[in-house]
């Protein structure tokens, strides 16, 4: 017997909120850890929509000191970019998405859970 999952919509205003603290809140909602029937192997999380993601606060010197790496899959293809460069190239939503991705569990559920994260202008 299959259980019917009731997914709610959460709208969060990111104005003057710190990146990591807000990302931690969002991960709880995406995974469904706030629900009574939570079990780690179940995908029972909710939809989360973030407004004003461009008004997030970054503490410390993260804009110039935090480095994001990616590999092109070619020899010697390790690329790096600072947070400021990533914001200029892909926007604030990409930085927030990367913070949330790093906090989600590294398994098959992560791809499904991150798809429920949306951004409003």
N, C-alpha and C. Protein backbone atom coordinates (compact mmCIF):
# COMPACT_ATOMS: atom_id res chain seq x y z
N UNK A 1 0.84 -1.19 0.00
CA UNK A 1 0.00 0.00 0.00
C UNK A 1 0.88 1.25 0.00
N UNK A 2 0.64 2.12 -0.97
CA UNK A 2 1.49 3.29 -1.10
C UNK A 2 0.89 4.47 -0.33
N UNK A 3 1.77 5.18 0.32
CA UNK A 3 1.38 6.32 1.13
C UNK A 3 1.30 7.57 0.25
N UNK A 4 0.23 8.36 0.42
CA UNK A 4 0.07 9.59 -0.35
C UNK A 4 0.80 10.71 0.39
N UNK A 5 1.66 11.41 -0.35
CA UNK A 5 2.47 12.47 0.24
C UNK A 5 1.80 13.82 0.00
N UNK A 6 1.54 14.54 1.08
CA UNK A 6 0.95 15.88 0.99
C UNK A 6 2.10 16.89 1.05
N UNK A 7 2.36 17.54 -0.09
CA UNK A 7 3.43 18.53 -0.15
C UNK A 7 2.85 19.94 -0.02
N UNK A 8 3.44 20.72 0.86
CA UNK A 8 3.01 22.09 1.06
C UNK A 8 3.93 23.03 0.30
N UNK A 9 3.49 24.27 0.14
CA UNK A 9 4.31 25.30 -0.47
C UNK A 9 4.76 26.27 0.61
N UNK A 10 6.05 26.53 0.66
CA UNK A 10 6.60 27.49 1.62
C UNK A 10 7.20 28.65 0.84
N UNK A 11 6.85 29.88 1.21
CA UNK A 11 7.39 31.07 0.59
C UNK A 11 8.25 31.79 1.62
N UNK A 12 9.53 31.98 1.29
CA UNK A 12 10.47 32.58 2.24
C UNK A 12 11.07 33.84 1.61
N UNK A 13 11.07 34.92 2.38
CA UNK A 13 11.69 36.17 1.94
C UNK A 13 13.13 36.19 2.46
N UNK A 14 14.08 36.28 1.57
CA UNK A 14 15.49 36.19 1.94
C UNK A 14 16.12 37.54 2.29
N UNK A 15 15.34 38.58 2.36
CA UNK A 15 15.87 39.92 2.63
C UNK A 15 16.59 39.95 3.98
N UNK A 16 17.86 40.35 3.98
CA UNK A 16 18.70 40.51 5.17
C UNK A 16 18.86 39.23 5.98
N UNK A 17 18.77 38.07 5.35
CA UNK A 17 19.03 36.81 6.03
C UNK A 17 20.40 36.30 5.61
N UNK A 18 21.08 35.63 6.53
CA UNK A 18 22.42 35.12 6.27
C UNK A 18 22.31 33.85 5.43
N UNK A 19 23.19 33.72 4.44
CA UNK A 19 23.15 32.63 3.46
C UNK A 19 23.06 31.25 4.10
N UNK A 20 23.98 30.90 4.96
CA UNK A 20 24.04 29.56 5.53
C UNK A 20 22.87 29.23 6.44
N UNK A 21 22.45 30.20 7.22
CA UNK A 21 21.34 29.95 8.14
C UNK A 21 20.03 29.73 7.39
N UNK A 22 19.83 30.52 6.34
CA UNK A 22 18.62 30.35 5.54
C UNK A 22 18.67 29.02 4.77
N UNK A 23 19.85 28.67 4.26
CA UNK A 23 20.00 27.40 3.54
C UNK A 23 19.69 26.22 4.45
N UNK A 24 20.09 26.29 5.70
CA UNK A 24 19.81 25.21 6.65
C UNK A 24 18.31 25.06 6.90
N UNK A 25 17.60 26.19 6.99
CA UNK A 25 16.15 26.15 7.15
C UNK A 25 15.49 25.51 5.94
N UNK A 26 15.95 25.88 4.76
CA UNK A 26 15.37 25.37 3.51
C UNK A 26 15.60 23.87 3.39
N UNK A 27 16.77 23.38 3.79
CA UNK A 27 17.07 21.95 3.70
C UNK A 27 16.10 21.14 4.55
N UNK A 28 15.78 21.64 5.74
CA UNK A 28 14.82 20.95 6.61
C UNK A 28 13.48 20.81 5.91
N UNK A 29 13.03 21.86 5.23
CA UNK A 29 11.75 21.82 4.53
C UNK A 29 11.79 20.92 3.30
N UNK A 30 12.90 20.96 2.54
CA UNK A 30 13.02 20.14 1.33
C UNK A 30 13.07 18.65 1.66
N UNK A 31 13.73 18.30 2.76
CA UNK A 31 13.84 16.89 3.15
C UNK A 31 12.60 16.39 3.87
N UNK A 32 11.83 17.29 4.48
CA UNK A 32 10.64 16.89 5.21
C UNK A 32 10.93 16.55 6.66
N UNK A 33 12.03 17.06 7.19
CA UNK A 33 12.40 16.75 8.57
C UNK A 33 11.47 17.40 9.58
N UNK A 34 10.66 18.35 9.12
CA UNK A 34 9.71 19.01 10.02
C UNK A 34 8.40 18.22 10.14
N UNK A 35 8.28 17.13 9.41
CA UNK A 35 7.04 16.35 9.41
C UNK A 35 7.13 15.17 10.38
N UNK A 36 5.97 14.72 10.82
CA UNK A 36 5.90 13.66 11.83
C UNK A 36 6.44 12.33 11.28
N UNK A 37 6.10 11.99 10.05
CA UNK A 37 6.48 10.69 9.49
C UNK A 37 7.83 10.67 8.83
N UNK A 38 8.75 11.56 9.22
CA UNK A 38 10.05 11.63 8.54
C UNK A 38 10.86 10.36 8.75
N UNK A 39 11.37 9.84 7.66
CA UNK A 39 12.37 8.77 7.68
C UNK A 39 13.37 9.11 6.59
N UNK A 40 14.62 8.86 6.85
CA UNK A 40 15.70 9.34 5.98
C UNK A 40 15.59 8.83 4.54
N UNK A 41 15.01 7.66 4.34
CA UNK A 41 14.94 7.10 2.99
C UNK A 41 13.69 7.53 2.22
N UNK A 42 12.79 8.29 2.87
CA UNK A 42 11.57 8.73 2.21
C UNK A 42 11.73 10.17 1.69
N UNK A 43 11.13 10.41 0.54
CA UNK A 43 11.15 11.75 -0.04
C UNK A 43 9.79 12.40 0.22
N UNK A 44 9.64 13.04 1.38
CA UNK A 44 8.35 13.61 1.77
C UNK A 44 8.42 15.13 1.96
N UNK A 45 9.43 15.76 1.39
CA UNK A 45 9.65 17.19 1.59
C UNK A 45 8.65 18.06 0.85
N UNK A 46 8.71 19.35 1.13
CA UNK A 46 7.79 20.32 0.57
C UNK A 46 8.47 21.16 -0.51
N UNK A 47 7.65 21.98 -1.19
CA UNK A 47 8.17 22.95 -2.16
C UNK A 47 8.58 24.21 -1.41
N UNK A 48 9.70 24.81 -1.82
CA UNK A 48 10.18 26.04 -1.18
C UNK A 48 10.45 27.06 -2.28
N UNK A 49 9.86 28.25 -2.13
CA UNK A 49 10.08 29.34 -3.07
C UNK A 49 10.76 30.47 -2.32
N UNK A 50 11.88 30.94 -2.84
CA UNK A 50 12.66 32.00 -2.20
C UNK A 50 12.45 33.30 -2.97
N UNK A 51 12.06 34.36 -2.23
CA UNK A 51 11.92 35.69 -2.82
C UNK A 51 13.11 36.54 -2.40
N UNK A 52 13.47 37.50 -3.23
CA UNK A 52 14.52 38.48 -2.94
C UNK A 52 15.84 37.81 -2.61
N UNK A 53 16.22 36.81 -3.37
CA UNK A 53 17.47 36.09 -3.09
C UNK A 53 18.69 37.02 -3.29
N UNK A 54 18.52 38.07 -4.06
CA UNK A 54 19.62 39.01 -4.29
C UNK A 54 19.87 39.93 -3.10
N UNK A 55 19.03 39.85 -2.06
CA UNK A 55 19.21 40.68 -0.87
C UNK A 55 19.75 39.88 0.31
N UNK A 56 20.33 38.71 0.03
CA UNK A 56 20.95 37.89 1.07
C UNK A 56 22.15 38.60 1.67
N UNK A 57 22.46 38.28 2.92
CA UNK A 57 23.66 38.81 3.55
C UNK A 57 24.75 37.76 3.53
N UNK A 58 25.98 38.17 3.29
CA UNK A 58 27.14 37.29 3.34
C UNK A 58 28.05 37.77 4.44
N UNK A 59 28.32 36.92 5.43
CA UNK A 59 29.14 37.33 6.56
C UNK A 59 30.62 37.14 6.22
N UNK A 60 31.46 37.85 6.93
CA UNK A 60 32.90 37.72 6.74
C UNK A 60 33.34 38.20 5.37
N UNK A 61 34.40 37.60 4.85
CA UNK A 61 34.96 37.97 3.55
C UNK A 61 34.64 36.93 2.48
N UNK A 62 33.46 36.30 2.58
CA UNK A 62 33.13 35.22 1.67
C UNK A 62 33.13 35.64 0.20
N UNK A 63 32.74 36.87 -0.08
CA UNK A 63 32.65 37.30 -1.47
C UNK A 63 33.98 37.17 -2.20
N UNK A 64 35.08 37.44 -1.52
CA UNK A 64 36.37 37.33 -2.21
C UNK A 64 37.19 36.11 -1.79
N UNK A 65 36.89 35.51 -0.63
CA UNK A 65 37.71 34.38 -0.16
C UNK A 65 37.11 33.01 -0.46
N UNK A 66 35.78 32.91 -0.55
CA UNK A 66 35.15 31.60 -0.81
C UNK A 66 35.35 31.23 -2.26
N UNK A 67 35.84 30.01 -2.49
CA UNK A 67 36.14 29.55 -3.84
C UNK A 67 35.30 28.33 -4.16
N UNK A 68 34.67 28.36 -5.34
CA UNK A 68 33.91 27.23 -5.86
C UNK A 68 34.73 26.56 -6.96
N UNK A 69 34.80 25.24 -6.92
CA UNK A 69 35.57 24.48 -7.90
C UNK A 69 34.62 23.67 -8.77
N UNK A 70 35.00 23.47 -10.04
CA UNK A 70 34.33 22.50 -10.90
C UNK A 70 35.35 21.97 -11.89
N UNK A 71 35.09 20.79 -12.42
CA UNK A 71 36.03 20.15 -13.33
C UNK A 71 35.37 19.96 -14.69
N UNK A 72 36.11 20.24 -15.76
CA UNK A 72 35.57 20.16 -17.11
C UNK A 72 35.59 18.74 -17.66
N UNK A 73 36.16 17.80 -16.91
CA UNK A 73 36.34 16.40 -17.31
C UNK A 73 37.42 16.22 -18.37
N UNK A 74 38.22 17.26 -18.62
CA UNK A 74 39.41 17.15 -19.46
C UNK A 74 40.64 17.20 -18.55
N UNK A 75 41.76 16.71 -19.04
CA UNK A 75 42.98 16.75 -18.24
C UNK A 75 43.34 18.18 -17.87
N UNK A 76 43.65 18.41 -16.63
CA UNK A 76 44.00 19.75 -16.17
C UNK A 76 42.82 20.70 -16.19
N UNK A 77 41.61 20.19 -16.15
CA UNK A 77 40.43 21.02 -16.32
C UNK A 77 39.77 21.47 -15.02
N UNK A 78 40.54 21.56 -13.94
CA UNK A 78 39.97 22.04 -12.68
C UNK A 78 39.86 23.56 -12.73
N UNK A 79 38.63 24.05 -12.66
CA UNK A 79 38.38 25.49 -12.73
C UNK A 79 37.94 25.98 -11.35
N UNK A 80 38.20 27.24 -11.08
CA UNK A 80 37.78 27.82 -9.81
C UNK A 80 37.25 29.22 -10.03
N UNK A 81 36.35 29.62 -9.15
CA UNK A 81 35.78 30.97 -9.22
C UNK A 81 35.43 31.40 -7.80
N UNK A 82 35.64 32.67 -7.50
CA UNK A 82 35.26 33.18 -6.19
C UNK A 82 33.75 33.38 -6.16
N UNK A 83 33.21 33.60 -4.98
CA UNK A 83 31.77 33.81 -4.85
C UNK A 83 31.32 35.03 -5.65
N UNK A 84 32.12 36.07 -5.63
CA UNK A 84 31.77 37.29 -6.35
C UNK A 84 31.69 37.03 -7.86
N UNK A 85 32.65 36.26 -8.39
CA UNK A 85 32.65 35.92 -9.82
C UNK A 85 31.44 35.07 -10.18
N UNK A 86 31.10 34.13 -9.30
CA UNK A 86 29.95 33.25 -9.55
C UNK A 86 28.64 34.05 -9.55
N UNK A 87 28.55 35.03 -8.65
CA UNK A 87 27.35 35.88 -8.60
C UNK A 87 27.24 36.69 -9.89
N UNK A 88 28.35 37.23 -10.36
CA UNK A 88 28.32 38.03 -11.58
C UNK A 88 27.96 37.17 -12.80
N UNK A 89 28.46 35.93 -12.82
CA UNK A 89 28.24 35.07 -13.98
C UNK A 89 26.87 34.39 -13.97
N UNK A 90 26.47 33.83 -12.81
CA UNK A 90 25.24 33.02 -12.76
C UNK A 90 24.16 33.56 -11.85
N UNK A 91 24.48 34.52 -11.00
CA UNK A 91 23.46 35.13 -10.15
C UNK A 91 23.44 34.59 -8.73
N UNK A 92 22.69 35.28 -7.88
CA UNK A 92 22.60 34.93 -6.47
C UNK A 92 21.91 33.59 -6.26
N UNK A 93 20.97 33.26 -7.12
CA UNK A 93 20.23 32.01 -6.96
C UNK A 93 21.15 30.80 -7.09
N UNK A 94 22.15 30.88 -7.93
CA UNK A 94 23.09 29.76 -8.10
C UNK A 94 23.93 29.55 -6.84
N UNK A 95 24.36 30.65 -6.21
CA UNK A 95 25.13 30.56 -4.97
C UNK A 95 24.28 29.92 -3.87
N UNK A 96 23.01 30.34 -3.78
CA UNK A 96 22.12 29.78 -2.76
C UNK A 96 21.86 28.30 -3.04
N UNK A 97 21.66 27.97 -4.31
CA UNK A 97 21.41 26.58 -4.68
C UNK A 97 22.60 25.69 -4.33
N UNK A 98 23.81 26.19 -4.55
CA UNK A 98 25.02 25.42 -4.22
C UNK A 98 25.13 25.22 -2.70
N UNK A 99 24.73 26.23 -1.92
CA UNK A 99 24.77 26.10 -0.47
C UNK A 99 23.79 25.03 0.00
N UNK A 100 22.60 25.01 -0.60
CA UNK A 100 21.59 24.02 -0.23
C UNK A 100 22.03 22.62 -0.68
N UNK A 101 22.58 22.52 -1.90
CA UNK A 101 23.04 21.22 -2.41
C UNK A 101 24.09 20.61 -1.50
N UNK A 102 24.97 21.44 -0.96
CA UNK A 102 26.00 20.94 -0.07
C UNK A 102 25.46 20.42 1.25
N UNK A 103 24.27 20.87 1.63
CA UNK A 103 23.68 20.45 2.89
C UNK A 103 22.73 19.26 2.75
N UNK A 104 22.26 19.00 1.54
CA UNK A 104 21.38 17.85 1.33
C UNK A 104 22.20 16.56 1.37
N UNK A 105 21.54 15.44 1.66
CA UNK A 105 22.24 14.16 1.71
C UNK A 105 22.72 13.78 0.32
N UNK A 106 23.89 13.19 0.25
CA UNK A 106 24.49 12.85 -1.04
C UNK A 106 24.02 11.46 -1.46
N UNK A 107 22.79 11.38 -1.95
CA UNK A 107 22.24 10.12 -2.42
C UNK A 107 21.24 10.39 -3.55
N UNK A 108 20.48 9.37 -3.93
CA UNK A 108 19.57 9.49 -5.07
C UNK A 108 18.44 10.48 -4.82
N UNK A 109 18.13 10.76 -3.56
CA UNK A 109 17.03 11.66 -3.26
C UNK A 109 17.40 13.13 -3.52
N UNK A 110 18.68 13.44 -3.49
CA UNK A 110 19.11 14.84 -3.59
C UNK A 110 18.63 15.50 -4.88
N UNK A 111 18.71 14.80 -6.00
CA UNK A 111 18.30 15.38 -7.28
C UNK A 111 16.81 15.72 -7.27
N UNK A 112 16.00 14.86 -6.67
CA UNK A 112 14.56 15.11 -6.60
C UNK A 112 14.25 16.25 -5.64
N UNK A 113 14.99 16.32 -4.54
CA UNK A 113 14.71 17.34 -3.53
C UNK A 113 15.09 18.73 -4.01
N UNK A 114 16.21 18.85 -4.72
CA UNK A 114 16.67 20.17 -5.16
C UNK A 114 15.74 20.73 -6.24
N UNK A 115 15.01 19.87 -6.95
CA UNK A 115 14.07 20.35 -7.97
C UNK A 115 12.88 21.07 -7.35
N UNK A 116 12.63 20.87 -6.06
CA UNK A 116 11.53 21.53 -5.39
C UNK A 116 11.91 22.90 -4.84
N UNK A 117 13.15 23.32 -5.09
CA UNK A 117 13.61 24.65 -4.69
C UNK A 117 13.41 25.59 -5.87
N UNK A 118 12.67 26.67 -5.63
CA UNK A 118 12.38 27.62 -6.71
C UNK A 118 12.74 29.03 -6.26
N UNK A 119 12.92 29.91 -7.25
CA UNK A 119 13.29 31.30 -6.96
C UNK A 119 12.31 32.24 -7.64
N UNK A 120 11.88 33.25 -6.88
CA UNK A 120 10.99 34.30 -7.38
C UNK A 120 11.79 35.58 -7.55
N UNK A 121 11.41 36.37 -8.47
CA UNK A 121 12.09 37.66 -8.66
C UNK A 121 11.57 38.70 -7.70
